[in-house]
Structure formats: C-alpha cells, structure tokens
Protein backbone atom coordinates (compact mmCIF):
# COMPACT_ATOMS: atom_id res chain seq x y z
CA MET A 1 15.35 34.44 133.19
CA ASN A 2 14.46 34.02 129.53
CA LEU A 3 17.51 35.01 127.49
CA ILE A 4 18.20 34.99 123.75
CA ASP A 5 21.75 34.54 122.46
CA THR A 6 21.62 36.59 119.27
CA HIS A 7 24.99 35.47 117.91
CA ALA A 8 26.69 32.09 118.22
CA HIS A 9 28.86 29.79 116.11
CA LEU A 10 28.01 26.24 117.14
CA ASP A 11 29.05 24.39 113.99
CA GLY A 12 32.81 24.25 114.53
CA SER A 13 35.17 21.65 115.89
CA GLU A 14 35.09 23.37 119.29
CA TYR A 15 31.76 21.67 119.99
CA ALA A 16 32.25 18.44 118.07
CA ASN A 17 32.43 16.32 121.21
CA ASP A 18 29.82 17.87 123.49
CA LEU A 19 27.33 20.00 121.58
CA THR A 20 24.34 18.27 123.16
CA LEU A 21 25.68 19.04 126.63
CA VAL A 22 26.44 22.64 125.61
CA LEU A 23 22.85 23.11 124.49
CA GLU A 24 21.52 21.46 127.64
CA ARG A 25 23.58 23.83 129.79
CA ALA A 26 22.26 26.76 127.77
CA ARG A 27 18.66 25.80 128.46
CA ALA A 28 19.42 25.21 132.13
CA SER A 29 20.94 28.69 132.41
CA GLY A 30 17.84 30.35 130.96
CA VAL A 31 18.89 30.74 127.32
CA GLY A 32 15.76 29.80 125.44
CA GLN A 33 16.85 30.57 121.87
CA ILE A 34 20.17 30.80 120.06
CA VAL A 35 20.87 32.43 116.70
CA ALA A 36 23.56 30.43 114.88
CA ALA A 37 25.33 32.59 112.31
CA GLY A 38 26.99 31.24 109.18
CA GLN A 39 30.38 32.44 107.97
CA ASP A 40 30.68 30.72 104.59
CA GLU A 41 28.79 28.16 102.54
CA ALA A 42 29.79 25.17 104.69
CA SER A 43 29.02 26.80 108.03
CA SER A 44 25.79 28.29 106.68
CA ARG A 45 24.63 24.83 105.65
CA ALA A 46 25.71 23.56 109.05
CA THR A 47 23.52 26.12 110.82
CA LEU A 48 20.54 24.82 108.87
CA GLU A 49 21.43 21.28 109.90
CA LEU A 50 21.67 22.37 113.53
CA ALA A 51 18.26 24.00 113.28
CA SER A 52 16.84 20.74 111.95
CA LYS A 53 18.04 18.89 115.03
CA HIS A 54 17.51 21.55 117.70
CA LYS A 55 14.29 23.56 117.57
CA HIS A 56 15.63 26.37 119.78
CA VAL A 57 18.52 27.06 117.35
CA ALA A 58 17.63 29.60 114.65
CA PRO A 59 19.80 29.77 111.51
CA ALA A 60 21.35 32.78 109.80
CA VAL A 61 23.34 32.30 106.60
CA GLY A 62 26.01 34.48 105.05
CA VAL A 63 29.66 35.27 104.39
CA HIS A 64 32.03 36.62 107.04
CA PRO A 65 34.50 39.20 105.69
CA HIS A 66 37.37 36.80 106.37
CA GLU A 67 35.80 34.39 103.88
CA ALA A 68 34.82 36.95 101.24
CA LYS A 69 37.70 36.04 98.92
CA SER A 70 36.37 32.50 98.50
CA ALA A 71 32.64 33.25 98.51
CA GLY A 72 32.16 32.76 94.77
CA ASP A 73 29.21 34.29 92.97
CA LEU A 74 26.89 33.86 95.98
CA ARG A 75 24.35 31.85 94.01
CA TRP A 76 24.62 29.26 96.78
CA LEU A 77 23.58 31.94 99.26
CA GLU A 78 20.60 32.90 97.16
CA ARG A 79 19.49 29.26 97.20
CA LEU A 80 19.90 28.96 100.98
CA LEU A 81 17.86 32.12 101.47
CA GLY A 82 14.96 30.26 99.94
CA ASP A 83 14.77 28.16 103.11
CA SER A 84 11.92 29.51 105.23
CA ARG A 85 13.79 28.72 108.45
CA VAL A 86 16.47 31.35 107.77
CA ILE A 87 15.87 34.31 110.08
CA ALA A 88 18.67 36.65 108.90
CA VAL A 89 21.54 37.16 106.48
CA GLY A 90 25.00 37.12 108.01
CA GLU A 91 27.46 37.24 109.49
CA MET A 92 28.57 39.83 106.93
CA GLY A 93 30.59 43.04 107.04
CA LEU A 94 34.14 44.36 107.02
CA ASP A 95 37.23 43.45 109.02
CA TYR A 96 40.23 45.70 108.46
CA HIS A 97 42.13 44.34 111.47
CA TYR A 98 43.11 41.04 109.90
CA ASP A 99 42.44 41.73 106.20
CA HIS A 100 42.12 38.01 105.48
CA SER A 101 40.29 39.06 102.31
CA PRO A 102 41.19 42.10 100.16
CA ARG A 103 39.22 45.14 101.26
CA ASP A 104 37.62 45.73 97.88
CA VAL A 105 36.41 42.13 97.86
CA GLN A 106 35.09 42.48 101.41
CA ARG A 107 33.12 45.55 100.39
CA ALA A 108 31.67 43.94 97.27
CA VAL A 109 30.53 40.81 99.15
CA PHE A 110 29.09 42.91 101.97
CA GLU A 111 27.15 45.06 99.51
CA ARG A 112 25.78 42.04 97.67
CA GLN A 113 24.57 40.47 100.91
CA LEU A 114 22.88 43.70 101.98
CA ASP A 115 21.07 43.72 98.65
CA LEU A 116 20.03 40.07 98.93
CA ALA A 117 18.69 40.67 102.43
CA GLY A 118 16.77 43.71 101.24
CA GLU A 119 15.20 41.76 98.38
CA ARG A 120 13.94 39.15 100.83
CA GLY A 121 13.02 41.44 103.69
CA LEU A 122 15.45 39.74 106.07
CA PRO A 123 17.47 41.32 108.88
CA VAL A 124 21.25 41.56 108.58
CA ILE A 125 24.00 40.65 111.05
CA ILE A 126 26.97 42.99 110.61
CA HIS A 127 30.61 42.46 111.58
CA CYS A 128 32.54 45.71 111.97
CA ARG A 129 36.19 45.75 113.03
CA GLU A 130 38.37 48.79 112.43
CA SER A 131 36.15 49.59 109.45
CA GLU A 132 33.54 51.97 110.87
CA ASP A 133 33.79 54.65 108.19
CA ASP A 134 33.31 52.21 105.31
CA ILE A 135 30.52 50.37 107.14
CA VAL A 136 28.67 53.66 107.60
CA ALA A 137 29.24 54.72 103.98
CA ILE A 138 27.93 51.40 102.63
CA LEU A 139 24.91 51.44 104.94
CA GLN A 140 24.12 54.98 103.85
CA ALA A 141 24.10 53.81 100.23
CA ARG A 142 22.38 50.43 100.60
CA PHE A 143 20.49 50.19 103.89
CA ALA A 144 17.27 52.17 104.02
CA ARG A 145 16.06 53.23 107.46
CA GLY A 146 13.29 50.92 108.55
CA ARG A 147 15.22 47.78 107.66
CA LEU A 148 16.36 45.50 110.47
CA GLY A 149 19.94 44.82 111.42
CA VAL A 150 22.43 44.39 114.24
CA VAL A 151 26.05 45.42 114.55
CA HIS A 152 27.20 42.40 116.50
CA CYS A 153 29.99 42.28 119.09
CA PHE A 154 29.75 46.01 119.65
CA THR A 155 32.82 47.26 121.52
CA GLY A 156 32.77 50.92 120.51
CA THR A 157 32.09 54.22 122.20
CA TYR A 158 28.81 55.78 123.22
CA LYS A 159 29.16 58.32 120.39
CA GLY A 160 29.79 55.63 117.79
CA GLY A 161 26.95 53.45 119.01
CA LYS A 162 24.50 56.35 119.17
CA ARG A 163 25.39 57.28 115.60
CA LEU A 164 24.60 53.78 114.37
CA ILE A 165 21.29 53.77 116.20
CA ASP A 166 20.28 57.29 115.18
CA ASP A 167 21.33 57.02 111.53
CA PHE A 168 20.27 53.45 110.74
CA GLY A 169 18.02 52.24 113.55
CA VAL A 170 20.16 49.14 114.04
CA PHE A 171 20.56 47.14 117.22
CA LEU A 172 23.90 46.65 118.95
CA GLY A 173 25.05 43.25 120.20
CA ILE A 174 26.56 43.32 123.69
CA GLY A 175 28.81 40.37 124.46
CA GLY A 176 31.43 39.13 126.86
CA ALA A 177 33.71 42.14 126.36
CA VAL A 178 31.41 44.19 128.59
CA THR A 179 32.64 42.10 131.53
CA PHE A 180 36.30 42.98 130.90
CA LYS A 181 37.77 45.19 133.61
CA ASN A 182 39.54 47.62 131.31
CA ALA A 183 36.76 48.04 128.71
CA LYS A 184 35.97 51.49 130.08
CA GLU A 185 34.60 53.05 126.89
CA LEU A 186 32.34 50.05 126.32
CA HIS A 187 31.15 50.24 129.93
CA ASP A 188 30.17 53.87 129.40
CA ALA A 189 28.42 53.06 126.10
CA ALA A 190 26.54 50.09 127.52
CA ALA A 191 25.38 52.16 130.49
CA ARG A 192 24.03 55.05 128.40
CA LEU A 193 22.92 53.76 124.99
CA PRO A 194 19.16 53.30 124.53
CA LEU A 195 18.20 49.97 126.07
CA ASP A 196 15.59 49.38 123.39
CA HIS A 197 18.41 48.96 120.83
CA LEU A 198 20.60 46.53 122.76
CA VAL A 199 20.64 42.74 122.45
CA LEU A 200 22.80 40.13 124.16
CA GLU A 201 25.15 37.68 122.47
CA THR A 202 28.01 35.32 123.20
CA ASP A 203 29.78 35.12 119.80
CA CYS A 204 30.77 31.71 121.10
CA PRO A 205 33.19 29.98 120.99
CA PHE A 206 34.91 33.38 121.11
CA MET A 207 34.75 36.38 123.48
CA SER A 208 34.16 34.51 126.73
CA PRO A 209 33.04 36.69 129.65
CA VAL A 210 34.92 36.92 132.92
CA PRO A 211 35.72 34.54 134.67
CA TYR A 212 35.99 32.33 131.58
CA ARG A 213 38.05 34.76 129.50
CA GLY A 214 40.57 32.86 127.39
CA LYS A 215 38.53 29.67 127.48
CA ARG A 216 35.88 28.34 125.11
CA ASN A 217 32.71 30.38 125.29
CA GLU A 218 29.23 28.88 125.22
CA PRO A 219 25.62 30.13 125.42
CA ALA A 220 25.31 29.10 129.08
CA TYR A 221 27.61 32.01 129.97
CA LEU A 222 25.18 34.62 128.63
CA PRO A 223 23.73 35.35 132.11
CA LEU A 224 27.16 36.73 133.11
CA THR A 225 26.97 39.32 130.34
CA CYS A 226 23.37 40.09 131.27
CA ALA A 227 24.35 40.60 134.91
CA ARG A 228 27.17 42.98 134.03
CA LEU A 229 24.96 45.03 131.74
CA ALA A 230 22.36 45.18 134.50
CA GLU A 231 25.00 46.37 136.96
CA LEU A 232 26.20 49.10 134.60
CA ARG A 233 22.64 50.34 134.03
CA GLY A 234 21.40 50.00 137.61
CA HIS A 235 18.72 47.46 136.76
CA ALA A 236 17.93 43.96 137.93
CA PRO A 237 19.25 41.22 135.65
CA GLU A 238 15.69 40.03 135.07
CA GLU A 239 14.77 43.45 133.68
CA ILE A 240 17.71 43.39 131.26
CA ALA A 241 16.87 39.83 130.23
CA SER A 242 13.28 40.77 129.50
CA ALA A 243 14.16 43.94 127.59
CA THR A 244 16.94 42.44 125.47
CA SER A 245 14.88 39.36 124.62
CA ALA A 246 12.02 41.57 123.48
CA ASN A 247 14.52 43.54 121.40
CA ALA A 248 15.85 40.31 119.86
CA ARG A 249 12.36 39.38 118.74
CA ARG A 250 11.92 42.80 117.15
CA LEU A 251 15.29 42.43 115.44
CA PHE A 252 14.53 38.90 114.21
CA PRO A 253 10.76 38.70 113.67
CA LYS A 254 10.97 35.03 112.68
CA LEU A 255 12.31 34.09 116.11
CA GLY A 256 8.80 34.02 117.47
CA ARG A 257 7.91 31.39 114.89
CA THR A 258 10.94 29.08 115.31
C-alpha cells in the first residue's frame, strides 16, 4: 500500500528518543508521505526543520486554537509562509471544549490565518471541536468555494460531514477514532460520505487506533485506520489506500513536488 498521513505532530518530546525509528516504521508500513502540522511558532519552525532532514515529511505551519492567545501579530507566520516547502497553513481553527484561549481570540486568529492562506493560495488544515456553528459561519464569510482545505480529525455525523463537503468542498480527515467500538455515528459517516472527499490521518502522537488506544500513536499505525475504513465501506484496503492518497494529493498539490 501507498498511504499518506495527512496530519501528524512529530516535533514534540514524545519522539525525542526514537524519531528515526518511528519514520523507518512508517515507511515499512507503507506510509510514503507525512504532513507535519505546526501548532505555534516553535512547532511550525520545527516542522520545517524536520522537512529539511526527512524528504518524505511535508511541513504545514500555523496556530492551533489552544495557542491563539500567545500567537502575537502573526508576522512570524507571514515570514514562514514565504518558505516554498510549506504545503498548507495550519493547524488552525476553534476548540470550545478546552477553551485554552478566549473564544474571541480563537476566532480572530483563525480568521487571520484563513486570509493569509487565501492570499498565498495555500490549503488550510482546520481543527473543529464543539465549535461547528462558528466554524461554518467563519468559512461562509472567509472561505470561497474552490479553495482547498481539510477538517482534520473528523468525528462527526454523516449530516455534519456532508454539509461541510457540500457547502465548502473541503476534505475530511479520518483518524484512529474510526476504529473505536462505540463510535457508531462516525462509523455511519465514514461508510456513507463521498470517498473522494476523505483522507487518512493519525494526528499522532494522539488518537491511537485500536489496539494501541491509550498509547503513543505513530504514522506506522495508519494501515489500521485504512483497514477499518475499508471494512466499513466494503472495499479492499488497497482501494481505500489508493483513493485517499489521491485525495491527499488533490488537497495538498505541493505534496507531489516534495
């Protein structure tokens, strides 16, 4: 299989001791490319450093909603977006579950990043947790149809996912949660949503698939998510791998040039 992990965080302490082995296991499991998403200035710079050392790691830079309160004026982000290796802006969005940053600040930083991505013609990687209505309202105001984006770590319903696809043309990132036994609504959504708008991700080191739930996640576990999605849709895993990798290259046009 030739898989693409469309969302990973490889820059943290979780991989400080064995990142080379983690990446070797990823390649051995069929994961040919990994999108490393930034969450603040330091992690965004770290993704660029990773990309310098590992040609199959593609960098995205941005501000996670948790970090919005300390993002500053985002001039640093504008400078990083001048790097031709950057394939997307993000991880950005809204998180009303934890509210680590004030909601008005989250919205302002999200809007600014959407605008910066639009100015540069780059795709966006969107985090949405318990904030669907505001995400939709902001996208309606600032995200013209025809732009490229993904709502990563999608765990919603078929109706909610279909609305995002129909209204904005975005892709949906399917991760380890689809392997969870009790994720019934997600199972239904993953089985019925248009396959041409689904991509695979790990969100590592988080969201490990069964049987590694509760342990550190890594890109080498992506085939487990692929297999579960294939089971839900009645396809062979190879078909899902091929389709979602093609989708990932449509979502991130620069991937083909990394």
